[in-house]
Amino acid sequence: MVTLAPDIEAEARPLPTNDADRAAWAIAATVCDPEVPVLTIEDLGVLRSVTVSADAVVVQITPTYSGCPAVDAMRDDIVTALTLHGYTVARVDVVLAPAWTTDWLSAAGAAKLEEYGIAAPAPRTPGGAVSLGLGIRCPHCGSLHTREVSRFGSTSCKALYECQRCHEPFDYFKAH
């Protein structure tokens, strides 16, 4: 199910308020992003809400792009994780509004990206604009002397860069 429901604010993720929802959230939060396996869907900010009722567990996710090819894998992995922990009925709804933003990437997620060799996006200013730096910092050597090779990297949410100091290619997680 894909919806455009505006019930999840862009700035804040509604964290579970009761024990049942928190327990199911903790399970869903362990699911890794299939395209960047060092990140969980919680690190990435894709996991938006988890609600447990007498009938089912309903998980809402917002993909990084509306056409993200990893959505089906994430949905299957979430259902599998919940089923393995005893939830008999689990549903994953894909919510496209508000659109995912790199602001939802956690600090831990940004650090994991850097360790994995992917440059994390720069944080936005309080007004929402992306701050422009001198360049994208190389996750291998730290140099700002880099250049964009291709606007599209290994996945649609990344661009391909090359460091002009260490000559290593690397992905940059695009800010949006």
Protein backbone atom coordinates (compact mmCIF):
# COMPACT_ATOMS: atom_id res chain seq x y z
CA MET A 1 0.00 0.00 0.00
CA VAL A 2 1.42 3.40 -1.00
CA THR A 3 -0.14 6.54 0.42
CA LEU A 4 0.44 10.24 0.33
CA ALA A 5 -0.82 10.74 3.86
CA PRO A 6 0.59 13.90 5.42
CA ASP A 7 0.31 12.53 8.95
CA ILE A 8 4.05 12.23 9.56
CA GLU A 9 5.81 15.54 10.01
CA ALA A 10 9.03 16.10 8.08
CA GLU A 11 10.95 17.42 11.07
CA ALA A 12 10.04 14.83 13.66
CA ARG A 13 9.53 11.11 13.59
CA PRO A 14 6.76 10.10 15.99
CA LEU A 15 8.45 7.58 18.24
CA PRO A 16 6.31 4.88 19.85
CA THR A 17 4.58 5.85 23.05
CA ASN A 18 3.62 2.46 24.46
CA ASP A 19 5.51 -0.75 25.23
CA ALA A 20 3.90 -2.84 22.47
CA ASP A 21 4.73 -0.30 19.76
CA ARG A 22 8.25 0.20 21.15
CA ALA A 23 8.91 -3.56 21.09
CA ALA A 24 7.79 -3.90 17.47
CA TRP A 25 9.73 -0.72 16.54
CA ALA A 26 12.90 -2.23 18.03
CA ILE A 27 12.51 -5.27 15.79
CA ALA A 28 11.75 -3.29 12.63
CA ALA A 29 14.65 -0.94 13.43
CA THR A 30 17.13 -3.83 13.04
CA VAL A 31 16.33 -4.25 9.34
CA CYS A 32 19.22 -3.12 7.16
CA ASP A 33 18.95 -1.05 4.02
CA PRO A 34 19.49 -3.53 1.15
CA GLU A 35 21.52 -1.00 -0.87
CA VAL A 36 23.73 0.24 1.99
CA PRO A 37 23.84 -2.74 4.38
CA VAL A 38 25.78 -0.90 7.10
CA LEU A 39 22.69 1.26 7.71
CA THR A 40 19.50 0.16 9.36
CA ILE A 41 16.25 1.63 8.11
CA GLU A 42 16.15 3.50 11.41
CA ASP A 43 19.65 5.00 10.80
CA LEU A 44 18.51 6.07 7.36
CA GLY A 45 15.30 7.63 8.70
CA VAL A 46 13.16 5.47 6.43
CA LEU A 47 11.36 3.85 9.39
CA ARG A 48 8.61 6.34 10.25
CA SER A 49 6.13 4.62 12.56
CA VAL A 50 5.14 1.28 14.08
CA THR A 51 1.70 0.60 15.55
CA VAL A 52 0.58 -2.64 17.17
CA SER A 53 -3.11 -3.43 17.38
CA ALA A 54 -5.03 -6.58 18.24
CA ASP A 55 -5.19 -7.41 14.52
CA ALA A 56 -1.75 -6.55 13.14
CA VAL A 57 1.49 -4.64 13.32
CA VAL A 58 1.49 -1.75 10.86
CA VAL A 59 4.84 -0.25 9.90
CA GLN A 60 5.18 2.92 7.86
CA ILE A 61 8.29 3.59 5.81
CA THR A 62 9.23 6.49 3.56
CA PRO A 63 11.77 5.56 0.86
CA THR A 64 14.62 7.88 -0.03
CA TYR A 65 13.11 8.21 -3.51
CA SER A 66 9.54 7.49 -4.60
CA GLY A 67 10.87 4.99 -7.17
CA CYS A 68 13.41 3.38 -4.83
CA PRO A 69 14.01 -0.18 -6.04
CA ALA A 70 14.83 -1.33 -2.50
CA VAL A 71 11.31 -0.75 -1.14
CA ASP A 72 10.09 -4.28 -1.84
CA ALA A 73 13.16 -5.81 -0.19
CA MET A 74 12.74 -3.53 2.86
CA ARG A 75 9.05 -4.47 3.10
CA ASP A 76 9.84 -8.19 2.91
CA ASP A 77 12.67 -7.91 5.45
CA ILE A 78 10.46 -6.01 7.92
CA VAL A 79 7.64 -8.56 7.63
CA THR A 80 10.14 -11.42 8.03
CA ALA A 81 11.75 -9.84 11.11
CA LEU A 82 8.39 -9.26 12.78
CA THR A 83 7.12 -12.75 11.88
CA LEU A 84 10.27 -14.35 13.31
CA HIS A 85 9.50 -12.55 16.58
CA GLY A 86 5.97 -13.92 16.82
CA TYR A 87 3.86 -11.29 15.10
CA THR A 88 1.44 -13.22 12.92
CA VAL A 89 0.13 -10.33 10.82
CA ALA A 90 2.48 -7.56 9.76
CA ARG A 91 1.81 -4.91 7.13
CA VAL A 92 4.21 -2.35 5.74
CA ASP A 93 2.76 0.83 4.25
CA VAL A 94 4.90 3.03 2.04
CA VAL A 95 4.20 6.69 2.78
CA LEU A 96 5.48 9.19 0.21
CA ALA A 97 4.51 12.47 1.87
CA PRO A 98 6.21 14.20 3.35
CA ALA A 99 9.08 13.18 1.10
CA TRP A 100 12.15 11.68 2.73
CA THR A 101 14.96 14.13 3.37
CA THR A 102 18.58 13.64 4.31
CA ASP A 103 17.68 15.50 7.50
CA TRP A 104 16.16 12.21 8.64
CA LEU A 105 19.55 10.45 8.45
CA SER A 106 20.76 9.96 12.02
CA ALA A 107 24.17 11.11 13.21
CA ALA A 108 25.06 7.44 13.73
CA GLY A 109 23.92 6.74 10.16
CA ALA A 110 26.11 9.54 8.77
CA ALA A 111 29.09 8.15 10.68
CA LYS A 112 28.40 4.63 9.37
CA LEU A 113 28.25 5.98 5.80
CA GLU A 114 31.65 7.64 6.21
CA GLU A 115 33.18 4.45 7.68
CA TYR A 116 31.73 2.49 4.74
CA GLY A 117 33.36 4.87 2.25
CA ILE A 118 30.29 6.91 1.30
CA ALA A 119 30.36 10.66 1.86
CA ALA A 120 27.42 11.70 4.00
CA PRO A 121 25.35 14.73 2.99
CA ALA A 122 26.00 18.06 4.65
CA PRO A 123 23.44 19.06 7.28
CA ARG A 124 20.87 21.67 6.33
CA THR A 125 20.79 25.13 7.81
CA PRO A 126 17.90 26.03 10.17
CA GLY A 127 16.06 27.60 7.21
CA GLY A 128 16.21 24.29 5.33
CA ALA A 129 18.84 25.19 2.74
CA VAL A 130 21.73 22.85 2.10
CA SER A 131 24.95 24.57 3.06
CA LEU A 132 27.43 24.73 0.22
CA GLY A 133 30.96 23.85 1.16
CA LEU A 134 34.15 24.00 -0.82
CA GLY A 135 33.65 20.43 -1.95
CA ILE A 136 32.53 17.01 -0.91
CA ARG A 137 34.94 15.55 1.63
CA CYS A 138 36.61 12.30 0.57
CA PRO A 139 35.67 9.56 3.05
CA HIS A 140 39.04 7.86 2.42
CA CYS A 141 41.57 10.66 2.98
CA GLY A 142 39.46 13.64 4.10
CA SER A 143 40.42 15.89 1.21
CA LEU A 144 37.95 18.47 -0.11
CA HIS A 145 39.69 18.32 -3.48
CA THR A 146 37.06 16.11 -5.13
CA ARG A 147 35.02 16.18 -8.30
CA GLU A 148 31.70 14.77 -9.38
CA VAL A 149 32.16 12.06 -11.99
CA SER A 150 28.49 11.23 -12.44
CA ARG A 151 25.31 12.63 -10.89
CA PHE A 152 24.14 9.02 -10.60
CA GLY A 153 26.18 6.56 -8.56
CA SER A 154 25.63 2.93 -7.63
CA THR A 155 22.05 3.77 -6.61
CA SER A 156 19.74 6.65 -7.47
CA CYS A 157 20.24 8.26 -4.06
CA LYS A 158 24.01 8.56 -4.56
CA ALA A 159 26.36 10.41 -6.92
CA LEU A 160 29.79 9.16 -7.98
CA TYR A 161 32.79 11.29 -6.99
CA GLU A 162 36.53 10.97 -7.32
CA CYS A 163 39.14 12.32 -4.94
CA GLN A 164 41.81 14.29 -6.75
CA ARG A 165 44.24 13.75 -3.89
CA CYS A 166 44.10 9.99 -3.25
CA HIS A 167 42.44 9.21 -6.62
CA GLU A 168 39.87 6.92 -5.02
CA PRO A 169 36.31 6.89 -6.35
CA PHE A 170 33.51 7.12 -3.79
CA ASP A 171 29.76 7.49 -3.56
CA TYR A 172 28.20 10.65 -2.14
CA PHE A 173 24.77 10.33 -0.54
CA LYS A 174 22.89 13.17 -2.24
CA ALA A 175 21.34 15.82 -0.02
CA HIS A 176 17.64 16.44 -0.55
